[in-house]
Amino acid sequence: MEEFKSASYDSIFSHSTPNEITLFFFLLGLSVEQSLTIDELNSLANGLFLMAQVMFTIAAQLNTCKNKLTN
């Protein structure tokens, strides 16, 4: 589990559970239906970017673990 802690600690997504991420995307869908200001869109984009970074980090580590197990 320690391998998954390489995401930056200031990220709100580094300690999120799958249920919390699902809730985030549900709320994201609700917010996209509303008209947003440029600041709100910027905050939304930054949050999505942080989530993508965490997801890529976890995927890379899972791939590394999988390769170690198969060798």
PDB file of N, CA and C in Angstrom:
ATOM      1  N   MET A   1       0.826  -1.195   0.000  1.00  0.00           N
ATOM      2  CA  MET A   1       0.000   0.000   0.000  1.00  0.00           C
ATOM      3  C   MET A   1       0.863   1.249   0.000  1.00  0.00           C
ATOM      4  N   GLU A   2       2.064   1.150   0.510  1.00  0.00           N
ATOM      5  CA  GLU A   2       2.948   2.312   0.585  1.00  0.00           C
ATOM      6  C   GLU A   2       3.297   2.835  -0.813  1.00  0.00           C
ATOM      7  N   GLU A   3       3.277   1.953  -1.819  1.00  0.00           N
ATOM      8  CA  GLU A   3       3.606   2.378  -3.177  1.00  0.00           C
ATOM      9  C   GLU A   3       2.619   3.407  -3.713  1.00  0.00           C
ATOM     10  N   PHE A   4       1.393   3.397  -3.232  1.00  0.00           N
ATOM     11  CA  PHE A   4       0.370   4.294  -3.747  1.00  0.00           C
ATOM     12  C   PHE A   4       0.431   5.675  -3.120  1.00  0.00           C
ATOM     13  N   LYS A   5       1.354   5.902  -2.206  1.00  0.00           N
ATOM     14  CA  LYS A   5       1.456   7.190  -1.530  1.00  0.00           C
ATOM     15  C   LYS A   5       2.380   8.154  -2.266  1.00  0.00           C
ATOM     16  N   SER A   6       2.778   7.852  -3.497  1.00  0.00           N
ATOM     17  CA  SER A   6       3.693   8.738  -4.221  1.00  0.00           C
ATOM     18  C   SER A   6       2.988   9.952  -4.812  1.00  0.00           C
ATOM     19  N   ALA A   7       1.670   9.989  -4.770  1.00  0.00           N
ATOM     20  CA  ALA A   7       0.944  11.179  -5.219  1.00  0.00           C
ATOM     21  C   ALA A   7       1.216  12.307  -4.239  1.00  0.00           C
ATOM     22  N   SER A   8       1.194  13.524  -4.738  1.00  0.00           N
ATOM     23  CA  SER A   8       1.500  14.655  -3.864  1.00  0.00           C
ATOM     24  C   SER A   8       0.501  14.718  -2.713  1.00  0.00           C
ATOM     25  N   TYR A   9       1.000  15.044  -1.535  1.00  0.00           N
ATOM     26  CA  TYR A   9       0.146  15.042  -0.348  1.00  0.00           C
ATOM     27  C   TYR A   9      -0.804  16.225  -0.311  1.00  0.00           C
ATOM     28  N   ASP A  10      -0.544  17.261  -1.116  1.00  0.00           N
ATOM     29  CA  ASP A  10      -1.461  18.392  -1.140  1.00  0.00           C
ATOM     30  C   ASP A  10      -2.646  18.137  -2.061  1.00  0.00           C
ATOM     31  N   SER A  11      -2.629  17.020  -2.764  1.00  0.00           N
ATOM     32  CA  SER A  11      -3.728  16.669  -3.655  1.00  0.00           C
ATOM     33  C   SER A  11      -4.916  16.160  -2.843  1.00  0.00           C
ATOM     34  N   ILE A  12      -6.098  16.652  -3.176  1.00  0.00           N
ATOM     35  CA  ILE A  12      -7.293  16.183  -2.471  1.00  0.00           C
ATOM     36  C   ILE A  12      -7.685  14.780  -2.914  1.00  0.00           C
ATOM     37  N   PHE A  13      -7.096  14.289  -4.004  1.00  0.00           N
ATOM     38  CA  PHE A  13      -7.469  12.989  -4.538  1.00  0.00           C
ATOM     39  C   PHE A  13      -6.529  11.871  -4.111  1.00  0.00           C
ATOM     40  N   SER A  14      -5.446  12.196  -3.415  1.00  0.00           N
ATOM     41  CA  SER A  14      -4.471  11.157  -3.087  1.00  0.00           C
ATOM     42  C   SER A  14      -5.001  10.159  -2.065  1.00  0.00           C
ATOM     43  N   HIS A  15      -6.015  10.529  -1.293  1.00  0.00           N
ATOM     44  CA  HIS A  15      -6.560   9.630  -0.283  1.00  0.00           C
ATOM     45  C   HIS A  15      -8.035   9.329  -0.535  1.00  0.00           C
ATOM     46  N   SER A  16      -8.490   9.512  -1.765  1.00  0.00           N
ATOM     47  CA  SER A  16      -9.904   9.304  -2.088  1.00  0.00           C
ATOM     48  C   SER A  16     -10.206   7.829  -2.298  1.00  0.00           C
ATOM     49  N   THR A  17     -11.387   7.424  -1.861  1.00  0.00           N
ATOM     50  CA  THR A  17     -11.855   6.063  -2.107  1.00  0.00           C
ATOM     51  C   THR A  17     -12.616   6.048  -3.434  1.00  0.00           C
ATOM     52  N   PRO A  18     -12.838   4.872  -4.007  1.00  0.00           N
ATOM     53  CA  PRO A  18     -13.630   4.813  -5.245  1.00  0.00           C
ATOM     54  C   PRO A  18     -15.021   5.431  -5.097  1.00  0.00           C
ATOM     55  N   ASN A  19     -15.642   5.269  -3.931  1.00  0.00           N
ATOM     56  CA  ASN A  19     -16.966   5.874  -3.723  1.00  0.00           C
ATOM     57  C   ASN A  19     -16.894   7.391  -3.733  1.00  0.00           C
ATOM     58  N   GLU A  20     -15.848   7.948  -3.142  1.00  0.00           N
ATOM     59  CA  GLU A  20     -15.686   9.402  -3.144  1.00  0.00           C
ATOM     60  C   GLU A  20     -15.439   9.927  -4.551  1.00  0.00           C
ATOM     61  N   ILE A  21     -14.677   9.189  -5.334  1.00  0.00           N
ATOM     62  CA  ILE A  21     -14.408   9.607  -6.711  1.00  0.00           C
ATOM     63  C   ILE A  21     -15.685   9.523  -7.539  1.00  0.00           C
ATOM     64  N   THR A  22     -16.497   8.477  -7.311  1.00  0.00           N
ATOM     65  CA  THR A  22     -17.783   8.366  -7.999  1.00  0.00           C
ATOM     66  C   THR A  22     -18.683   9.546  -7.658  1.00  0.00           C
ATOM     67  N   LEU A  23     -18.722   9.902  -6.385  1.00  0.00           N
ATOM     68  CA  LEU A  23     -19.506  11.060  -5.959  1.00  0.00           C
ATOM     69  C   LEU A  23     -18.991  12.336  -6.613  1.00  0.00           C
ATOM     70  N   PHE A  24     -17.675  12.459  -6.720  1.00  0.00           N
ATOM     71  CA  PHE A  24     -17.087  13.632  -7.366  1.00  0.00           C
ATOM     72  C   PHE A  24     -17.574  13.754  -8.808  1.00  0.00           C
ATOM     73  N   PHE A  25     -17.538  12.637  -9.552  1.00  0.00           N
ATOM     74  CA  PHE A  25     -17.975  12.701 -10.943  1.00  0.00           C
ATOM     75  C   PHE A  25     -19.474  12.960 -11.058  1.00  0.00           C
ATOM     76  N   PHE A  26     -20.260  12.456 -10.107  1.00  0.00           N
ATOM     77  CA  PHE A  26     -21.691  12.764 -10.095  1.00  0.00           C
ATOM     78  C   PHE A  26     -21.906  14.263  -9.902  1.00  0.00           C
ATOM     79  N   LEU A  27     -21.200  14.835  -8.919  1.00  0.00           N
ATOM     80  CA  LEU A  27     -21.313  16.277  -8.678  1.00  0.00           C
ATOM     81  C   LEU A  27     -20.750  17.078  -9.846  1.00  0.00           C
ATOM     82  N   LEU A  28     -19.725  16.540 -10.492  1.00  0.00           N
ATOM     83  CA  LEU A  28     -19.171  17.193 -11.679  1.00  0.00           C
ATOM     84  C   LEU A  28     -20.226  17.270 -12.776  1.00  0.00           C
ATOM     85  N   GLY A  29     -20.965  16.192 -12.965  1.00  0.00           N
ATOM     86  CA  GLY A  29     -22.037  16.198 -13.955  1.00  0.00           C
ATOM     87  C   GLY A  29     -23.104  17.218 -13.642  1.00  0.00           C
ATOM     88  N   LEU A  30     -23.437  17.346 -12.358  1.00  0.00           N
ATOM     89  CA  LEU A  30     -24.421  18.359 -11.967  1.00  0.00           C
ATOM     90  C   LEU A  30     -23.900  19.768 -12.203  1.00  0.00           C
ATOM     91  N   SER A  31     -22.626  19.985 -11.912  1.00  0.00           N
ATOM     92  CA  SER A  31     -22.075  21.335 -12.062  1.00  0.00           C
ATOM     93  C   SER A  31     -21.915  21.725 -13.522  1.00  0.00           C
ATOM     94  N   VAL A  32     -21.658  20.757 -14.391  1.00  0.00           N
ATOM     95  CA  VAL A  32     -21.491  21.070 -15.814  1.00  0.00           C
ATOM     96  C   VAL A  32     -22.818  21.521 -16.419  1.00  0.00           C
ATOM     97  N   GLU A  33     -23.926  21.055 -15.843  1.00  0.00           N
ATOM     98  CA  GLU A  33     -25.234  21.484 -16.336  1.00  0.00           C
ATOM     99  C   GLU A  33     -25.490  22.960 -16.061  1.00  0.00           C
ATOM    100  N   GLN A  34     -24.808  23.513 -15.062  1.00  0.00           N
ATOM    101  CA  GLN A  34     -24.991  24.915 -14.689  1.00  0.00           C
ATOM    102  C   GLN A  34     -24.028  25.792 -15.485  1.00  0.00           C
ATOM    103  N   SER A  35     -24.363  27.069 -15.609  1.00  0.00           N
ATOM    104  CA  SER A  35     -23.419  27.990 -16.244  1.00  0.00           C
ATOM    105  C   SER A  35     -22.374  28.377 -15.207  1.00  0.00           C
ATOM    106  N   LEU A  36     -21.102  28.213 -15.556  1.00  0.00           N
ATOM    107  CA  LEU A  36     -20.009  28.444 -14.623  1.00  0.00           C
ATOM    108  C   LEU A  36     -19.202  29.668 -15.028  1.00  0.00           C
ATOM    109  N   THR A  37     -18.622  30.335 -14.030  1.00  0.00           N
ATOM    110  CA  THR A  37     -17.718  31.451 -14.313  1.00  0.00           C
ATOM    111  C   THR A  37     -16.359  30.891 -14.706  1.00  0.00           C
ATOM    112  N   ILE A  38     -15.489  31.740 -15.201  1.00  0.00           N
ATOM    113  CA  ILE A  38     -14.157  31.291 -15.614  1.00  0.00           C
ATOM    114  C   ILE A  38     -13.359  30.777 -14.417  1.00  0.00           C
ATOM    115  N   ASP A  39     -13.544  31.380 -13.240  1.00  0.00           N
ATOM    116  CA  ASP A  39     -12.839  30.901 -12.046  1.00  0.00           C
ATOM    117  C   ASP A  39     -13.324  29.516 -11.638  1.00  0.00           C
ATOM    118  N   GLU A  40     -14.613  29.276 -11.741  1.00  0.00           N
ATOM    119  CA  GLU A  40     -15.156  27.964 -11.407  1.00  0.00           C
ATOM    120  C   GLU A  40     -14.685  26.910 -12.406  1.00  0.00           C
ATOM    121  N   LEU A  41     -14.642  27.272 -13.678  1.00  0.00           N
ATOM    122  CA  LEU A  41     -14.129  26.345 -14.689  1.00  0.00           C
ATOM    123  C   LEU A  41     -12.655  26.039 -14.451  1.00  0.00           C
ATOM    124  N   ASN A  42     -11.893  27.050 -14.047  1.00  0.00           N
ATOM    125  CA  ASN A  42     -10.476  26.857 -13.761  1.00  0.00           C
ATOM    126  C   ASN A  42     -10.290  25.903 -12.584  1.00  0.00           C
ATOM    127  N   SER A  43     -11.065  26.081 -11.534  1.00  0.00           N
ATOM    128  CA  SER A  43     -10.987  25.182 -10.376  1.00  0.00           C
ATOM    129  C   SER A  43     -11.368  23.758 -10.765  1.00  0.00           C
ATOM    130  N   LEU A  44     -12.389  23.623 -11.581  1.00  0.00           N
ATOM    131  CA  LEU A  44     -12.830  22.312 -12.048  1.00  0.00           C
ATOM    132  C   LEU A  44     -11.741  21.634 -12.878  1.00  0.00           C
ATOM    133  N   ALA A  45     -11.124  22.391 -13.776  1.00  0.00           N
ATOM    134  CA  ALA A  45     -10.055  21.837 -14.613  1.00  0.00           C
ATOM    135  C   ALA A  45      -8.857  21.422 -13.769  1.00  0.00           C
ATOM    136  N   ASN A  46      -8.502  22.225 -12.777  1.00  0.00           N
ATOM    137  CA  ASN A  46      -7.381  21.868 -11.902  1.00  0.00           C
ATOM    138  C   ASN A  46      -7.680  20.593 -11.125  1.00  0.00           C
ATOM    139  N   GLY A  47      -8.910  20.449 -10.649  1.00  0.00           N
ATOM    140  CA  GLY A  47      -9.288  19.236  -9.934  1.00  0.00           C
ATOM    141  C   GLY A  47      -9.229  18.002 -10.818  1.00  0.00           C
ATOM    142  N   LEU A  48      -9.695  18.126 -12.046  1.00  0.00           N
ATOM    143  CA  LEU A  48      -9.638  16.994 -12.978  1.00  0.00           C
ATOM    144  C   LEU A  48      -8.198  16.631 -13.315  1.00  0.00           C
ATOM    145  N   PHE A  49      -7.340  17.647 -13.443  1.00  0.00           N
ATOM    146  CA  PHE A  49      -5.931  17.393 -13.731  1.00  0.00           C
ATOM    147  C   PHE A  49      -5.270  16.651 -12.572  1.00  0.00           C
ATOM    148  N   LEU A  50      -5.566  17.070 -11.339  1.00  0.00           N
ATOM    149  CA  LEU A  50      -5.013  16.374 -10.174  1.00  0.00           C
ATOM    150  C   LEU A  50      -5.486  14.928 -10.123  1.00  0.00           C
ATOM    151  N   MET A  51      -6.762  14.706 -10.415  1.00  0.00           N
ATOM    152  CA  MET A  51      -7.290  13.347 -10.396  1.00  0.00           C
ATOM    153  C   MET A  51      -6.618  12.493 -11.474  1.00  0.00           C
ATOM    154  N   ALA A  52      -6.398  13.064 -12.642  1.00  0.00           N
ATOM    155  CA  ALA A  52      -5.736  12.323 -13.715  1.00  0.00           C
ATOM    156  C   ALA A  52      -4.312  11.946 -13.315  1.00  0.00           C
ATOM    157  N   GLN A  53      -3.599  12.851 -12.652  1.00  0.00           N
ATOM    158  CA  GLN A  53      -2.242  12.545 -12.200  1.00  0.00           C
ATOM    159  C   GLN A  53      -2.241  11.361 -11.238  1.00  0.00           C
ATOM    160  N   VAL A  54      -3.157  11.370 -10.300  1.00  0.00           N
ATOM    161  CA  VAL A  54      -3.230  10.284  -9.321  1.00  0.00           C
ATOM    162  C   VAL A  54      -3.591   8.973 -10.011  1.00  0.00           C
ATOM    163  N   MET A  55      -4.529   9.009 -10.945  1.00  0.00           N
ATOM    164  CA  MET A  55      -4.949   7.787 -11.640  1.00  0.00           C
ATOM    165  C   MET A  55      -3.816   7.213 -12.485  1.00  0.00           C
ATOM    166  N   PHE A  56      -3.047   8.077 -13.157  1.00  0.00           N
ATOM    167  CA  PHE A  56      -1.907   7.596 -13.944  1.00  0.00           C
ATOM    168  C   PHE A  56      -0.821   7.018 -13.040  1.00  0.00           C
ATOM    169  N   THR A  57      -0.604   7.635 -11.882  1.00  0.00           N
ATOM    170  CA  THR A  57       0.389   7.118 -10.942  1.00  0.00           C
ATOM    171  C   THR A  57      -0.002   5.730 -10.457  1.00  0.00           C
ATOM    172  N   ILE A  58      -1.250   5.564 -10.082  1.00  0.00           N
ATOM    173  CA  ILE A  58      -1.719   4.260  -9.607  1.00  0.00           C
ATOM    174  C   ILE A  58      -1.654   3.223 -10.725  1.00  0.00           C
ATOM    175  N   ALA A  59      -2.053   3.602 -11.934  1.00  0.00           N
ATOM    176  CA  ALA A  59      -2.010   2.658 -13.062  1.00  0.00           C
ATOM    177  C   ALA A  59      -0.579   2.226 -13.359  1.00  0.00           C
ATOM    178  N   ALA A  60       0.358   3.157 -13.297  1.00  0.00           N
ATOM    179  CA  ALA A  60       1.756   2.816 -13.558  1.00  0.00           C
ATOM    180  C   ALA A  60       2.292   1.874 -12.485  1.00  0.00           C
ATOM    181  N   GLN A  61       1.919   2.120 -11.237  1.00  0.00           N
ATOM    182  CA  GLN A  61       2.386   1.256 -10.157  1.00  0.00           C
ATOM    183  C   GLN A  61       1.749  -0.124 -10.237  1.00  0.00           C
ATOM    184  N   LEU A  62       0.488  -0.194 -10.616  1.00  0.00           N
ATOM    185  CA  LEU A  62      -0.155  -1.500 -10.784  1.00  0.00           C
ATOM    186  C   LEU A  62       0.506  -2.280 -11.910  1.00  0.00           C
ATOM    187  N   ASN A  63       0.860  -1.589 -12.980  1.00  0.00           N
ATOM    188  CA  ASN A  63       1.534  -2.233 -14.099  1.00  0.00           C
ATOM    189  C   ASN A  63       2.901  -2.750 -13.668  1.00  0.00           C
ATOM    190  N   THR A  64       3.615  -1.969 -12.859  1.00  0.00           N
ATOM    191  CA  THR A  64       4.921  -2.392 -12.362  1.00  0.00           C
ATOM    192  C   THR A  64       4.783  -3.615 -11.467  1.00  0.00           C
ATOM    193  N   CYS A  65       3.794  -3.597 -10.578  1.00  0.00           N
ATOM    194  CA  CYS A  65       3.561  -4.747  -9.689  1.00  0.00           C
ATOM    195  C   CYS A  65       3.192  -5.986 -10.494  1.00  0.00           C
ATOM    196  N   LYS A  66       2.377  -5.813 -11.510  1.00  0.00           N
ATOM    197  CA  LYS A  66       1.963  -6.937 -12.357  1.00  0.00           C
ATOM    198  C   LYS A  66       3.173  -7.529 -13.066  1.00  0.00           C
ATOM    199  N   ASN A  67       4.051  -6.663 -13.578  1.00  0.00           N
ATOM    200  CA  ASN A  67       5.247  -7.149 -14.267  1.00  0.00           C
ATOM    201  C   ASN A  67       6.175  -7.892 -13.314  1.00  0.00           C
ATOM    202  N   LYS A  68       6.281  -7.436 -12.068  1.00  0.00           N
ATOM    203  CA  LYS A  68       7.131  -8.119 -11.086  1.00  0.00           C
ATOM    204  C   LYS A  68       6.573  -9.491 -10.751  1.00  0.00           C
ATOM    205  N   LEU A  69       5.252  -9.606 -10.698  1.00  0.00           N
ATOM    206  CA  LEU A  69       4.639 -10.889 -10.364  1.00  0.00           C
ATOM    207  C   LEU A  69       4.767 -11.901 -11.495  1.00  0.00           C
ATOM    208  N   THR A  70       4.764 -11.429 -12.737  1.00  0.00           N
ATOM    209  CA  THR A  70       4.830 -12.355 -13.869  1.00  0.00           C
ATOM    210  C   THR A  70       6.253 -12.779 -14.191  1.00  0.00           C
ATOM    211  N   ASN A  71       7.241 -12.051 -13.679  1.00  0.00           N
ATOM    212  CA  ASN A  71       8.647 -12.421 -13.958  1.00  0.00           C
ATOM    213  C   ASN A  71       9.205 -13.324 -12.906  1.00  0.00           C
TER     214      ASN A  71
END
